[in-house]
Each structure stands twice: as structure tokens, then as C-alpha cells.
């Protein structure tokens, strides 16, 4: 278990951003120690916050990030009907920024389209 400062350092998110994501439900409420005064986080929290931060860097809104977090990723990546994710992972920030809409990018991410449509 790590304190909020260490979570901030490991993920590059400011402490106030971590608290905000907890308030709006993107991060689960932290476990508390010291009579409830100190927040404590684990590896799952680090991974989740890194995912949120990267999605935000790619231009996803907070509501879109919430939707991504609700997807069943375990089954998504093991499904035989999914287009290989390798090509999706190769999408750069530049191609994401040139996509017409976030929903188009999400369609590529989910394998509904094999290439993004750009303007």
C-alpha cells in the first residue's frame, strides 16, 4: 500500500487530480489509515490511474474514460471475434488527434473498424 504522494509520483497525476477522480468515481475510494486521515493505494489503483491519464492524453473526455473503464477488458482481449489489438496499440497520438471524433477512435479500438477516418 502506498500513500497518495507516491501514487502521484508513479502516475504523473497531481494529488488534487487523484482526489478529483475519486470524488467523481473514476477511481475507487481509497482505503484509509490513521483514523481515516491517510489514503492508501495498491497496484490496481496505479494501473487504473495510468490508464485514465493515458486516455485523457489521447483526448477522451471523462465520460468516455468512464465508459472505457466499464468495458469487460478481460473478455474483450480473449474473445476470438476481436480484430487483433496490435494494430490498435500502434495508433499514435498524432493519428488520434486527426480522427474526426472520439467515437471513431473507439470504433477502431473495439475492432469495429480497421482504420480511422481522418478529415
PDB file of N, CA and C in Angstrom:
ATOM      1  N   UNK A   1       0.841  -1.177   0.000  1.00  0.00           N
ATOM      2  CA  UNK A   1       0.000   0.000   0.000  1.00  0.00           C
ATOM      3  C   UNK A   1       0.890   1.246   0.000  1.00  0.00           C
ATOM      4  N   UNK A   2       0.499   2.203  -0.836  1.00  0.00           N
ATOM      5  CA  UNK A   2       1.297   3.423  -0.950  1.00  0.00           C
ATOM      6  C   UNK A   2       0.420   4.643  -0.647  1.00  0.00           C
ATOM      7  N   UNK A   3       1.036   5.727  -0.181  1.00  0.00           N
ATOM      8  CA  UNK A   3       0.280   6.950   0.081  1.00  0.00           C
ATOM      9  C   UNK A   3      -0.007   7.716  -1.219  1.00  0.00           C
ATOM     10  N   UNK A   4      -0.856   8.712  -1.125  1.00  0.00           N
ATOM     11  CA  UNK A   4      -1.276   9.471  -2.294  1.00  0.00           C
ATOM     12  C   UNK A   4      -0.101  10.161  -3.000  1.00  0.00           C
ATOM     13  N   UNK A   5       0.881  10.611  -2.248  1.00  0.00           N
ATOM     14  CA  UNK A   5       2.047  11.266  -2.852  1.00  0.00           C
ATOM     15  C   UNK A   5       2.831  10.321  -3.755  1.00  0.00           C
ATOM     16  N   UNK A   6       2.974   9.082  -3.299  1.00  0.00           N
ATOM     17  CA  UNK A   6       3.676   8.071  -4.096  1.00  0.00           C
ATOM     18  C   UNK A   6       2.857   7.702  -5.334  1.00  0.00           C
ATOM     19  N   UNK A   7       1.531   7.595  -5.183  1.00  0.00           N
ATOM     20  CA  UNK A   7       0.659   7.340  -6.337  1.00  0.00           C
ATOM     21  C   UNK A   7       0.817   8.461  -7.354  1.00  0.00           C
ATOM     22  N   UNK A   8       0.850   9.675  -6.891  1.00  0.00           N
ATOM     23  CA  UNK A   8       1.040  10.834  -7.759  1.00  0.00           C
ATOM     24  C   UNK A   8       2.369  10.745  -8.505  1.00  0.00           C
ATOM     25  N   UNK A   9       3.410  10.409  -7.794  1.00  0.00           N
ATOM     26  CA  UNK A   9       4.738  10.311  -8.406  1.00  0.00           C
ATOM     27  C   UNK A   9       4.789   9.210  -9.462  1.00  0.00           C
ATOM     28  N   UNK A  10       4.220   8.046  -9.150  1.00  0.00           N
ATOM     29  CA  UNK A  10       4.272   6.901 -10.071  1.00  0.00           C
ATOM     30  C   UNK A  10       3.442   7.114 -11.339  1.00  0.00           C
ATOM     31  N   UNK A  11       2.410   7.909 -11.241  1.00  0.00           N
ATOM     32  CA  UNK A  11       1.493   8.071 -12.383  1.00  0.00           C
ATOM     33  C   UNK A  11       1.619   9.407 -13.098  1.00  0.00           C
ATOM     34  N   UNK A  12       2.269  10.364 -12.468  1.00  0.00           N
ATOM     35  CA  UNK A  12       2.385  11.685 -13.071  1.00  0.00           C
ATOM     36  C   UNK A  12       1.131  12.532 -12.931  1.00  0.00           C
ATOM     37  N   UNK A  13       0.201  12.096 -12.090  1.00  0.00           N
ATOM     38  CA  UNK A  13      -1.027  12.858 -11.828  1.00  0.00           C
ATOM     39  C   UNK A  13      -0.857  13.663 -10.547  1.00  0.00           C
ATOM     40  N   UNK A  14      -1.337  14.879 -10.563  1.00  0.00           N
ATOM     41  CA  UNK A  14      -1.266  15.711  -9.368  1.00  0.00           C
ATOM     42  C   UNK A  14      -2.188  15.137  -8.287  1.00  0.00           C
ATOM     43  N   UNK A  15      -1.840  15.398  -7.043  1.00  0.00           N
ATOM     44  CA  UNK A  15      -2.625  14.894  -5.912  1.00  0.00           C
ATOM     45  C   UNK A  15      -4.063  15.370  -5.996  1.00  0.00           C
ATOM     46  N   UNK A  16      -4.277  16.621  -6.345  1.00  0.00           N
ATOM     47  CA  UNK A  16      -5.649  17.140  -6.457  1.00  0.00           C
ATOM     48  C   UNK A  16      -6.427  16.417  -7.553  1.00  0.00           C
ATOM     49  N   UNK A  17      -5.748  16.017  -8.625  1.00  0.00           N
ATOM     50  CA  UNK A  17      -6.400  15.263  -9.698  1.00  0.00           C
ATOM     51  C   UNK A  17      -6.823  13.893  -9.195  1.00  0.00           C
ATOM     52  N   UNK A  18      -5.967  13.251  -8.405  1.00  0.00           N
ATOM     53  CA  UNK A  18      -6.302  11.946  -7.818  1.00  0.00           C
ATOM     54  C   UNK A  18      -7.556  12.086  -6.957  1.00  0.00           C
ATOM     55  N   UNK A  19      -7.578  13.100  -6.102  1.00  0.00           N
ATOM     56  CA  UNK A  19      -8.748  13.315  -5.238  1.00  0.00           C
ATOM     57  C   UNK A  19     -10.002  13.580  -6.068  1.00  0.00           C
ATOM     58  N   UNK A  20      -9.853  14.371  -7.134  1.00  0.00           N
ATOM     59  CA  UNK A  20     -10.988  14.678  -8.013  1.00  0.00           C
ATOM     60  C   UNK A  20     -11.524  13.399  -8.658  1.00  0.00           C
ATOM     61  N   UNK A  21     -10.630  12.556  -9.193  1.00  0.00           N
ATOM     62  CA  UNK A  21     -11.063  11.304  -9.815  1.00  0.00           C
ATOM     63  C   UNK A  21     -11.771  10.392  -8.808  1.00  0.00           C
ATOM     64  N   UNK A  22     -11.360  10.436  -7.559  1.00  0.00           N
ATOM     65  CA  UNK A  22     -12.071   9.681  -6.518  1.00  0.00           C
ATOM     66  C   UNK A  22     -13.470  10.255  -6.314  1.00  0.00           C
ATOM     67  N   UNK A  23     -13.562  11.586  -6.221  1.00  0.00           N
ATOM     68  CA  UNK A  23     -14.865  12.225  -5.980  1.00  0.00           C
ATOM     69  C   UNK A  23     -15.869  11.911  -7.083  1.00  0.00           C
ATOM     70  N   UNK A  24     -15.409  11.868  -8.350  1.00  0.00           N
ATOM     71  CA  UNK A  24     -16.342  11.640  -9.456  1.00  0.00           C
ATOM     72  C   UNK A  24     -16.481  10.159  -9.805  1.00  0.00           C
ATOM     73  N   UNK A  25     -15.765   9.298  -9.091  1.00  0.00           N
ATOM     74  CA  UNK A  25     -15.943   7.863  -9.249  1.00  0.00           C
ATOM     75  C   UNK A  25     -15.088   7.183 -10.306  1.00  0.00           C
ATOM     76  N   UNK A  26     -14.108   7.873 -10.886  1.00  0.00           N
ATOM     77  CA  UNK A  26     -13.205   7.208 -11.835  1.00  0.00           C
ATOM     78  C   UNK A  26     -12.221   6.308 -11.097  1.00  0.00           C
ATOM     79  N   UNK A  27     -11.835   6.703  -9.909  1.00  0.00           N
ATOM     80  CA  UNK A  27     -11.007   5.874  -9.027  1.00  0.00           C
ATOM     81  C   UNK A  27     -11.872   5.447  -7.847  1.00  0.00           C
ATOM     82  N   UNK A  28     -11.731   4.197  -7.400  1.00  0.00           N
ATOM     83  CA  UNK A  28     -12.482   3.805  -6.202  1.00  0.00           C
ATOM     84  C   UNK A  28     -11.987   4.600  -4.991  1.00  0.00           C
ATOM     85  N   UNK A  29     -12.825   4.746  -4.011  1.00  0.00           N
ATOM     86  CA  UNK A  29     -12.417   5.427  -2.776  1.00  0.00           C
ATOM     87  C   UNK A  29     -11.210   4.709  -2.187  1.00  0.00           C
ATOM     88  N   UNK A  30     -10.233   5.489  -1.791  1.00  0.00           N
ATOM     89  CA  UNK A  30      -9.006   4.925  -1.231  1.00  0.00           C
ATOM     90  C   UNK A  30      -9.271   4.301   0.130  1.00  0.00           C
ATOM     91  N   UNK A  31      -8.487   3.270   0.423  1.00  0.00           N
ATOM     92  CA  UNK A  31      -8.518   2.725   1.764  1.00  0.00           C
ATOM     93  C   UNK A  31      -7.888   3.765   2.684  1.00  0.00           C
ATOM     94  N   UNK A  32      -8.325   3.793   3.919  1.00  0.00           N
ATOM     95  CA  UNK A  32      -7.851   4.831   4.843  1.00  0.00           C
ATOM     96  C   UNK A  32      -7.121   4.209   6.027  1.00  0.00           C
ATOM     97  N   UNK A  33      -6.113   4.921   6.480  1.00  0.00           N
ATOM     98  CA  UNK A  33      -5.361   4.537   7.672  1.00  0.00           C
ATOM     99  C   UNK A  33      -5.232   5.760   8.567  1.00  0.00           C
ATOM    100  N   UNK A  34      -4.743   5.541   9.765  1.00  0.00           N
ATOM    101  CA  UNK A  34      -4.522   6.659  10.675  1.00  0.00           C
ATOM    102  C   UNK A  34      -5.818   7.346  11.071  1.00  0.00           C
ATOM    103  N   UNK A  35      -6.822   6.553  11.395  1.00  0.00           N
ATOM    104  CA  UNK A  35      -8.099   7.131  11.786  1.00  0.00           C
ATOM    105  C   UNK A  35      -8.832   7.781  10.630  1.00  0.00           C
ATOM    106  N   UNK A  36      -8.533   7.334   9.416  1.00  0.00           N
ATOM    107  CA  UNK A  36      -9.205   7.879   8.241  1.00  0.00           C
ATOM    108  C   UNK A  36      -8.511   9.079   7.634  1.00  0.00           C
ATOM    109  N   UNK A  37      -7.380   9.465   8.170  1.00  0.00           N
ATOM    110  CA  UNK A  37      -6.677  10.656   7.686  1.00  0.00           C
ATOM    111  C   UNK A  37      -5.797  10.405   6.473  1.00  0.00           C
ATOM    112  N   UNK A  38      -5.318   9.169   6.282  1.00  0.00           N
ATOM    113  CA  UNK A  38      -4.349   8.902   5.225  1.00  0.00           C
ATOM    114  C   UNK A  38      -4.907   7.941   4.192  1.00  0.00           C
ATOM    115  N   UNK A  39      -4.866   8.352   2.930  1.00  0.00           N
ATOM    116  CA  UNK A  39      -5.303   7.497   1.830  1.00  0.00           C
ATOM    117  C   UNK A  39      -4.180   6.510   1.497  1.00  0.00           C
ATOM    118  N   UNK A  40      -4.571   5.266   1.158  1.00  0.00           N
ATOM    119  CA  UNK A  40      -3.611   4.240   0.755  1.00  0.00           C
ATOM    120  C   UNK A  40      -4.089   3.584  -0.528  1.00  0.00           C
ATOM    121  N   UNK A  41      -3.143   3.308  -1.434  1.00  0.00           N
ATOM    122  CA  UNK A  41      -3.455   2.764  -2.753  1.00  0.00           C
ATOM    123  C   UNK A  41      -2.617   1.525  -3.015  1.00  0.00           C
ATOM    124  N   UNK A  42      -3.084   0.686  -3.957  1.00  0.00           N
ATOM    125  CA  UNK A  42      -2.340  -0.518  -4.315  1.00  0.00           C
ATOM    126  C   UNK A  42      -2.015  -0.502  -5.814  1.00  0.00           C
ATOM    127  N   UNK A  43      -1.467  -1.600  -6.298  1.00  0.00           N
ATOM    128  CA  UNK A  43      -1.054  -1.696  -7.703  1.00  0.00           C
ATOM    129  C   UNK A  43      -2.200  -1.529  -8.683  1.00  0.00           C
ATOM    130  N   UNK A  44      -3.388  -2.009  -8.319  1.00  0.00           N
ATOM    131  CA  UNK A  44      -4.550  -1.835  -9.197  1.00  0.00           C
ATOM    132  C   UNK A  44      -4.888  -0.355  -9.368  1.00  0.00           C
ATOM    133  N   UNK A  45      -4.755   0.407  -8.292  1.00  0.00           N
ATOM    134  CA  UNK A  45      -5.022   1.840  -8.361  1.00  0.00           C
ATOM    135  C   UNK A  45      -4.003   2.544  -9.262  1.00  0.00           C
ATOM    136  N   UNK A  46      -2.743   2.124  -9.165  1.00  0.00           N
ATOM    137  CA  UNK A  46      -1.693   2.703 -10.021  1.00  0.00           C
ATOM    138  C   UNK A  46      -2.016   2.422 -11.488  1.00  0.00           C
ATOM    139  N   UNK A  47      -2.351   1.175 -11.806  1.00  0.00           N
ATOM    140  CA  UNK A  47      -2.654   0.804 -13.191  1.00  0.00           C
ATOM    141  C   UNK A  47      -3.881   1.556 -13.704  1.00  0.00           C
ATOM    142  N   UNK A  48      -4.909   1.651 -12.893  1.00  0.00           N
ATOM    143  CA  UNK A  48      -6.141   2.335 -13.301  1.00  0.00           C
ATOM    144  C   UNK A  48      -5.880   3.814 -13.557  1.00  0.00           C
ATOM    145  N   UNK A  49      -5.110   4.456 -12.672  1.00  0.00           N
ATOM    146  CA  UNK A  49      -4.819   5.877 -12.848  1.00  0.00           C
ATOM    147  C   UNK A  49      -3.937   6.115 -14.074  1.00  0.00           C
ATOM    148  N   UNK A  50      -3.002   5.220 -14.334  1.00  0.00           N
ATOM    149  CA  UNK A  50      -2.190   5.339 -15.552  1.00  0.00           C
ATOM    150  C   UNK A  50      -3.066   5.225 -16.800  1.00  0.00           C
ATOM    151  N   UNK A  51      -4.027   4.303 -16.768  1.00  0.00           N
ATOM    152  CA  UNK A  51      -4.954   4.144 -17.886  1.00  0.00           C
ATOM    153  C   UNK A  51      -5.767   5.421 -18.089  1.00  0.00           C
ATOM    154  N   UNK A  52      -6.293   5.961 -17.001  1.00  0.00           N
ATOM    155  CA  UNK A  52      -7.089   7.186 -17.085  1.00  0.00           C
ATOM    156  C   UNK A  52      -6.245   8.321 -17.661  1.00  0.00           C
ATOM    157  N   UNK A  53      -5.048   8.463 -17.153  1.00  0.00           N
ATOM    158  CA  UNK A  53      -4.171   9.548 -17.610  1.00  0.00           C
ATOM    159  C   UNK A  53      -3.856   9.412 -19.104  1.00  0.00           C
ATOM    160  N   UNK A  54      -3.573   8.202 -19.540  1.00  0.00           N
ATOM    161  CA  UNK A  54      -3.254   7.984 -20.962  1.00  0.00           C
ATOM    162  C   UNK A  54      -4.478   8.243 -21.839  1.00  0.00           C
ATOM    163  N   UNK A  55      -5.638   7.796 -21.406  1.00  0.00           N
ATOM    164  CA  UNK A  55      -6.858   8.051 -22.175  1.00  0.00           C
ATOM    165  C   UNK A  55      -7.121   9.546 -22.293  1.00  0.00           C
ATOM    166  N   UNK A  56      -6.880  10.288 -21.209  1.00  0.00           N
ATOM    167  CA  UNK A  56      -7.062  11.742 -21.247  1.00  0.00           C
ATOM    168  C   UNK A  56      -6.057  12.377 -22.207  1.00  0.00           C
ATOM    169  N   UNK A  57      -4.814  11.878 -22.220  1.00  0.00           N
ATOM    170  CA  UNK A  57      -3.807  12.397 -23.148  1.00  0.00           C
ATOM    171  C   UNK A  57      -4.215  12.150 -24.595  1.00  0.00           C
ATOM    172  N   UNK A  58      -4.926  11.056 -24.831  1.00  0.00           N
ATOM    173  CA  UNK A  58      -5.384  10.731 -26.180  1.00  0.00           C
ATOM    174  C   UNK A  58      -6.626  11.523 -26.570  1.00  0.00           C
ATOM    175  N   UNK A  59      -7.168  12.306 -25.654  1.00  0.00           N
ATOM    176  CA  UNK A  59      -8.279  13.172 -25.971  1.00  0.00           C
ATOM    177  C   UNK A  59      -9.649  12.701 -25.533  1.00  0.00           C
ATOM    178  N   UNK A  60      -9.720  11.600 -24.796  1.00  0.00           N
ATOM    179  CA  UNK A  60     -11.012  11.115 -24.324  1.00  0.00           C
ATOM    180  C   UNK A  60     -11.546  12.026 -23.225  1.00  0.00           C
ATOM    181  N   UNK A  61     -12.851  12.267 -23.234  1.00  0.00           N
ATOM    182  CA  UNK A  61     -13.490  13.031 -22.169  1.00  0.00           C
ATOM    183  C   UNK A  61     -13.597  12.146 -20.932  1.00  0.00           C
ATOM    184  N   UNK A  62     -13.904  12.760 -19.804  1.00  0.00           N
ATOM    185  CA  UNK A  62     -14.057  11.978 -18.579  1.00  0.00           C
ATOM    186  C   UNK A  62     -15.194  10.968 -18.708  1.00  0.00           C
ATOM    187  N   UNK A  63     -16.284  11.349 -19.366  1.00  0.00           N
ATOM    188  CA  UNK A  63     -17.386  10.403 -19.564  1.00  0.00           C
ATOM    189  C   UNK A  63     -16.967   9.239 -20.456  1.00  0.00           C
ATOM    190  N   UNK A  64     -16.169   9.511 -21.485  1.00  0.00           N
ATOM    191  CA  UNK A  64     -15.682   8.442 -22.358  1.00  0.00           C
ATOM    192  C   UNK A  64     -14.736   7.525 -21.602  1.00  0.00           C
ATOM    193  N   UNK A  65     -13.884   8.101 -20.755  1.00  0.00           N
ATOM    194  CA  UNK A  65     -12.977   7.294 -19.931  1.00  0.00           C
ATOM    195  C   UNK A  65     -13.801   6.399 -19.008  1.00  0.00           C
ATOM    196  N   UNK A  66     -14.844   6.944 -18.425  1.00  0.00           N
ATOM    197  CA  UNK A  66     -15.719   6.146 -17.553  1.00  0.00           C
ATOM    198  C   UNK A  66     -16.275   4.948 -18.328  1.00  0.00           C
ATOM    199  N   UNK A  67     -16.712   5.192 -19.567  1.00  0.00           N
ATOM    200  CA  UNK A  67     -17.220   4.106 -20.400  1.00  0.00           C
ATOM    201  C   UNK A  67     -16.165   3.061 -20.697  1.00  0.00           C
ATOM    202  N   UNK A  68     -14.944   3.495 -20.987  1.00  0.00           N
ATOM    203  CA  UNK A  68     -13.854   2.554 -21.250  1.00  0.00           C
ATOM    204  C   UNK A  68     -13.558   1.702 -20.017  1.00  0.00           C
ATOM    205  N   UNK A  69     -13.598   2.326 -18.850  1.00  0.00           N
ATOM    206  CA  UNK A  69     -13.324   1.598 -17.617  1.00  0.00           C
ATOM    207  C   UNK A  69     -14.404   0.567 -17.312  1.00  0.00           C
ATOM    208  N   UNK A  70     -15.595   0.769 -17.833  1.00  0.00           N
ATOM    209  CA  UNK A  70     -16.688  -0.159 -17.576  1.00  0.00           C
ATOM    210  C   UNK A  70     -16.693  -1.349 -18.528  1.00  0.00           C
ATOM    211  N   UNK A  71     -15.883  -1.295 -19.595  1.00  0.00           N
ATOM    212  CA  UNK A  71     -15.812  -2.420 -20.524  1.00  0.00           C
ATOM    213  C   UNK A  71     -15.205  -3.637 -19.828  1.00  0.00           C
ATOM    214  N   UNK A  72     -15.613  -4.801 -20.249  1.00  0.00           N
ATOM    215  CA  UNK A  72     -15.087  -6.052 -19.707  1.00  0.00           C
ATOM    216  C   UNK A  72     -13.816  -6.399 -20.486  1.00  0.00           C
ATOM    217  N   UNK A  73     -12.689  -5.798 -20.092  1.00  0.00           N
ATOM    218  CA  UNK A  73     -11.442  -5.952 -20.842  1.00  0.00           C
ATOM    219  C   UNK A  73     -10.937  -7.386 -20.827  1.00  0.00           C
ATOM    220  N   UNK A  74     -11.168  -8.107 -19.753  1.00  0.00           N
ATOM    221  CA  UNK A  74     -10.698  -9.497 -19.674  1.00  0.00           C
ATOM    222  C   UNK A  74     -11.271 -10.308 -20.827  1.00  0.00           C
ATOM    223  N   UNK A  75     -12.569 -10.224 -21.021  1.00  0.00           N
ATOM    224  CA  UNK A  75     -13.207 -10.958 -22.105  1.00  0.00           C
ATOM    225  C   UNK A  75     -12.943 -10.323 -23.462  1.00  0.00           C
ATOM    226  N   UNK A  76     -12.775  -9.010 -23.490  1.00  0.00           N
ATOM    227  CA  UNK A  76     -12.509  -8.312 -24.742  1.00  0.00           C
ATOM    228  C   UNK A  76     -11.233  -8.837 -25.387  1.00  0.00           C
ATOM    229  N   UNK A  77     -10.170  -8.952 -24.618  1.00  0.00           N
ATOM    230  CA  UNK A  77      -8.893  -9.351 -25.184  1.00  0.00           C
ATOM    231  C   UNK A  77      -8.779 -10.845 -25.427  1.00  0.00           C
ATOM    232  N   UNK A  78      -9.652 -11.648 -24.859  1.00  0.00           N
ATOM    233  CA  UNK A  78      -9.587 -13.082 -25.096  1.00  0.00           C
ATOM    234  C   UNK A  78     -10.623 -13.547 -26.108  1.00  0.00           C
ATOM    235  N   UNK A  79     -11.490 -12.647 -26.554  1.00  0.00           N
ATOM    236  CA  UNK A  79     -12.546 -13.012 -27.495  1.00  0.00           C
ATOM    237  C   UNK A  79     -11.943 -13.337 -28.866  1.00  0.00           C
ATOM    238  N   UNK A  80     -12.442 -14.390 -29.483  1.00  0.00           N
ATOM    239  CA  UNK A  80     -11.941 -14.770 -30.809  1.00  0.00           C
ATOM    240  C   UNK A  80     -12.542 -13.893 -31.902  1.00  0.00           C
ATOM    241  N   UNK A  81     -13.524 -13.071 -31.568  1.00  0.00           N
ATOM    242  CA  UNK A  81     -14.159 -12.218 -32.582  1.00  0.00           C
ATOM    243  C   UNK A  81     -13.515 -10.845 -32.693  1.00  0.00           C
ATOM    244  N   UNK A  82     -12.556 -10.555 -31.822  1.00  0.00           N
ATOM    245  CA  UNK A  82     -11.941  -9.232 -31.817  1.00  0.00           C
ATOM    246  C   UNK A  82     -10.831  -9.159 -32.861  1.00  0.00           C
ATOM    247  N   UNK A  83     -10.804  -8.049 -33.607  1.00  0.00           N
ATOM    248  CA  UNK A  83      -9.703  -7.781 -34.531  1.00  0.00           C
ATOM    249  C   UNK A  83      -8.436  -7.664 -33.684  1.00  0.00           C
ATOM    250  N   UNK A  84      -7.326  -8.191 -34.144  1.00  0.00           N
ATOM    251  CA  UNK A  84      -6.111  -8.115 -33.330  1.00  0.00           C
ATOM    252  C   UNK A  84      -5.842  -6.702 -32.819  1.00  0.00           C
ATOM    253  N   UNK A  85      -5.468  -6.619 -31.546  1.00  0.00           N
ATOM    254  CA  UNK A  85      -5.305  -5.333 -30.887  1.00  0.00           C
ATOM    255  C   UNK A  85      -3.968  -4.693 -31.235  1.00  0.00           C
ATOM    256  N   UNK A  86      -3.039  -5.480 -31.770  1.00  0.00           N
ATOM    257  CA  UNK A  86      -1.720  -4.954 -32.070  1.00  0.00           C
ATOM    258  C   UNK A  86      -1.764  -3.687 -32.907  1.00  0.00           C
ATOM    259  N   UNK A  87      -2.571  -3.684 -33.961  1.00  0.00           N
ATOM    260  CA  UNK A  87      -2.635  -2.501 -34.822  1.00  0.00           C
ATOM    261  C   UNK A  87      -3.255  -1.326 -34.086  1.00  0.00           C
ATOM    262  N   UNK A  88      -4.196  -1.595 -33.200  1.00  0.00           N
ATOM    263  CA  UNK A  88      -4.813  -0.528 -32.418  1.00  0.00           C
ATOM    264  C   UNK A  88      -3.781   0.098 -31.492  1.00  0.00           C
ATOM    265  N   UNK A  89      -2.941  -0.720 -30.885  1.00  0.00           N
ATOM    266  CA  UNK A  89      -1.937  -0.207 -29.965  1.00  0.00           C
ATOM    267  C   UNK A  89      -0.922   0.671 -30.678  1.00  0.00           C
ATOM    268  N   UNK A  90      -0.785   0.526 -31.987  1.00  0.00           N
ATOM    269  CA  UNK A  90       0.182   1.298 -32.744  1.00  0.00           C
ATOM    270  C   UNK A  90      -0.334   2.675 -33.145  1.00  0.00           C
ATOM    271  N   UNK A  91      -1.625   2.949 -32.862  1.00  0.00           N
ATOM    272  CA  UNK A  91      -2.157   4.269 -33.175  1.00  0.00           C
ATOM    273  C   UNK A  91      -1.396   5.308 -32.361  1.00  0.00           C
ATOM    274  N   UNK A  92      -0.901   6.325 -33.017  1.00  0.00           N
ATOM    275  CA  UNK A  92      -0.139   7.345 -32.304  1.00  0.00           C
ATOM    276  C   UNK A  92      -1.049   8.480 -31.864  1.00  0.00           C
ATOM    277  N   UNK A  93      -0.523   9.308 -30.986  1.00  0.00           N
ATOM    278  CA  UNK A  93      -1.262  10.472 -30.542  1.00  0.00           C
ATOM    279  C   UNK A  93      -1.610  11.357 -31.734  1.00  0.00           C
ATOM    280  N   UNK A  94      -0.705  11.461 -32.700  1.00  0.00           N
ATOM    281  CA  UNK A  94      -0.955  12.284 -33.889  1.00  0.00           C
ATOM    282  C   UNK A  94      -2.157  11.776 -34.675  1.00  0.00           C
ATOM    283  N   UNK A  95      -2.255  10.476 -34.916  1.00  0.00           N
ATOM    284  CA  UNK A  95      -3.396   9.958 -35.662  1.00  0.00           C
ATOM    285  C   UNK A  95      -4.674  10.089 -34.852  1.00  0.00           C
ATOM    286  N   UNK A  96      -4.578   9.984 -33.527  1.00  0.00           N
ATOM    287  CA  UNK A  96      -5.759  10.153 -32.676  1.00  0.00           C
ATOM    288  C   UNK A  96      -6.280  11.579 -32.769  1.00  0.00           C
ATOM    289  N   UNK A  97      -5.377  12.545 -32.772  1.00  0.00           N
ATOM    290  CA  UNK A  97      -5.789  13.935 -32.825  1.00  0.00           C
ATOM    291  C   UNK A  97      -6.394  14.295 -34.175  1.00  0.00           C
ATOM    292  N   UNK A  98      -6.034  13.553 -35.208  1.00  0.00           N
ATOM    293  CA  UNK A  98      -6.576  13.856 -36.523  1.00  0.00           C
ATOM    294  C   UNK A  98      -7.872  13.094 -36.811  1.00  0.00           C
ATOM    295  N   UNK A  99      -8.286  12.210 -35.926  1.00  0.00           N
ATOM    296  CA  UNK A  99      -9.538  11.478 -36.131  1.00  0.00           C
ATOM    297  C   UNK A  99     -10.718  12.434 -36.042  1.00  0.00           C
ATOM    298  N   UNK A 100     -11.772  12.172 -36.820  1.00  0.00           N
ATOM    299  CA  UNK A 100     -12.926  13.069 -36.821  1.00  0.00           C
ATOM    300  C   UNK A 100     -13.589  13.155 -35.466  1.00  0.00           C
ATOM    301  N   UNK A 101     -13.784  12.034 -34.780  1.00  0.00           N
ATOM    302  CA  UNK A 101     -14.462  12.034 -33.484  1.00  0.00           C
ATOM    303  C   UNK A 101     -13.860  10.979 -32.584  1.00  0.00           C
ATOM    304  N   UNK A 102     -14.110  11.139 -31.296  1.00  0.00           N
ATOM    305  CA  UNK A 102     -13.659  10.133 -30.336  1.00  0.00           C
ATOM    306  C   UNK A 102     -14.374   8.807 -30.565  1.00  0.00           C
ATOM    307  N   UNK A 103     -15.626   8.881 -31.014  1.00  0.00           N
ATOM    308  CA  UNK A 103     -16.359   7.640 -31.252  1.00  0.00           C
ATOM    309  C   UNK A 103     -15.743   6.850 -32.398  1.00  0.00           C
ATOM    310  N   UNK A 104     -15.192   7.541 -33.405  1.00  0.00           N
ATOM    311  CA  UNK A 104     -14.497   6.857 -34.491  1.00  0.00           C
ATOM    312  C   UNK A 104     -13.279   6.114 -33.954  1.00  0.00           C
ATOM    313  N   UNK A 105     -12.509   6.768 -33.074  1.00  0.00           N
ATOM    314  CA  UNK A 105     -11.346   6.132 -32.490  1.00  0.00           C
ATOM    315  C   UNK A 105     -11.757   4.932 -31.649  1.00  0.00           C
ATOM    316  N   UNK A 106     -12.834   5.086 -30.896  1.00  0.00           N
ATOM    317  CA  UNK A 106     -13.319   3.986 -30.083  1.00  0.00           C
ATOM    318  C   UNK A 106     -13.741   2.811 -30.960  1.00  0.00           C
ATOM    319  N   UNK A 107     -14.330   3.113 -32.136  1.00  0.00           N
ATOM    320  CA  UNK A 107     -14.707   2.039 -33.064  1.00  0.00           C
ATOM    321  C   UNK A 107     -13.459   1.279 -33.524  1.00  0.00           C
ATOM    322  N   UNK A 108     -12.375   2.007 -33.785  1.00  0.00           N
ATOM    323  CA  UNK A 108     -11.115   1.358 -34.160  1.00  0.00           C
ATOM    324  C   UNK A 108     -10.596   0.534 -32.993  1.00  0.00           C
ATOM    325  N   UNK A 109     -10.609   1.126 -31.801  1.00  0.00           N
ATOM    326  CA  UNK A 109     -10.118   0.441 -30.609  1.00  0.00           C
ATOM    327  C   UNK A 109     -10.880  -0.860 -30.360  1.00  0.00           C
ATOM    328  N   UNK A 110     -12.174  -0.825 -30.585  1.00  0.00           N
ATOM    329  CA  UNK A 110     -13.006  -2.000 -30.328  1.00  0.00           C
ATOM    330  C   UNK A 110     -13.037  -2.970 -31.503  1.00  0.00           C
ATOM    331  N   UNK A 111     -12.364  -2.633 -32.604  1.00  0.00           N
ATOM    332  CA  UNK A 111     -12.309  -3.539 -33.734  1.00  0.00           C
ATOM    333  C   UNK A 111     -13.512  -3.468 -34.648  1.00  0.00           C
ATOM    334  N   UNK A 112     -14.341  -2.430 -34.487  1.00  0.00           N
ATOM    335  CA  UNK A 112     -15.492  -2.284 -35.362  1.00  0.00           C
ATOM    336  C   UNK A 112     -15.073  -1.727 -36.722  1.00  0.00           C
ATOM    337  N   UNK A 113     -13.922  -1.068 -36.748  1.00  0.00           N
ATOM    338  CA  UNK A 113     -13.303  -0.561 -37.967  1.00  0.00           C
ATOM    339  C   UNK A 113     -11.830  -0.901 -37.898  1.00  0.00           C
ATOM    340  N   UNK A 114     -11.203  -1.090 -39.053  1.00  0.00           N
ATOM    341  CA  UNK A 114      -9.780  -1.440 -39.017  1.00  0.00           C
ATOM    342  C   UNK A 114      -8.887  -0.217 -39.198  1.00  0.00           C
ATOM    343  N   UNK A 115      -9.425   0.899 -39.669  1.00  0.00           N
ATOM    344  CA  UNK A 115      -8.635   2.123 -39.805  1.00  0.00           C
ATOM    345  C   UNK A 115      -9.473   3.290 -39.360  1.00  0.00           C
ATOM    346  N   UNK A 116      -8.808   4.364 -38.936  1.00  0.00           N
ATOM    347  CA  UNK A 116      -9.561   5.549 -38.521  1.00  0.00           C
ATOM    348  C   UNK A 116      -9.833   6.420 -39.732  1.00  0.00           C
ATOM    349  N   UNK A 117     -10.911   7.145 -39.664  1.00  0.00           N
ATOM    350  CA  UNK A 117     -11.288   8.076 -40.717  1.00  0.00           C
ATOM    351  C   UNK A 117     -10.765   9.435 -40.313  1.00  0.00           C
ATOM    352  N   UNK A 118     -10.008  10.083 -41.171  1.00  0.00           N
ATOM    353  CA  UNK A 118      -9.467  11.396 -40.849  1.00  0.00           C
ATOM    354  C   UNK A 118     -10.035  12.417 -41.798  1.00  0.00           C
ATOM    355  N   UNK A 119     -10.059  13.682 -41.351  1.00  0.00           N
ATOM    356  CA  UNK A 119     -10.586  14.742 -42.189  1.00  0.00           C
ATOM    357  C   UNK A 119      -9.564  15.268 -43.158  1.00  0.00           C
TER     358      UNK A 119
END
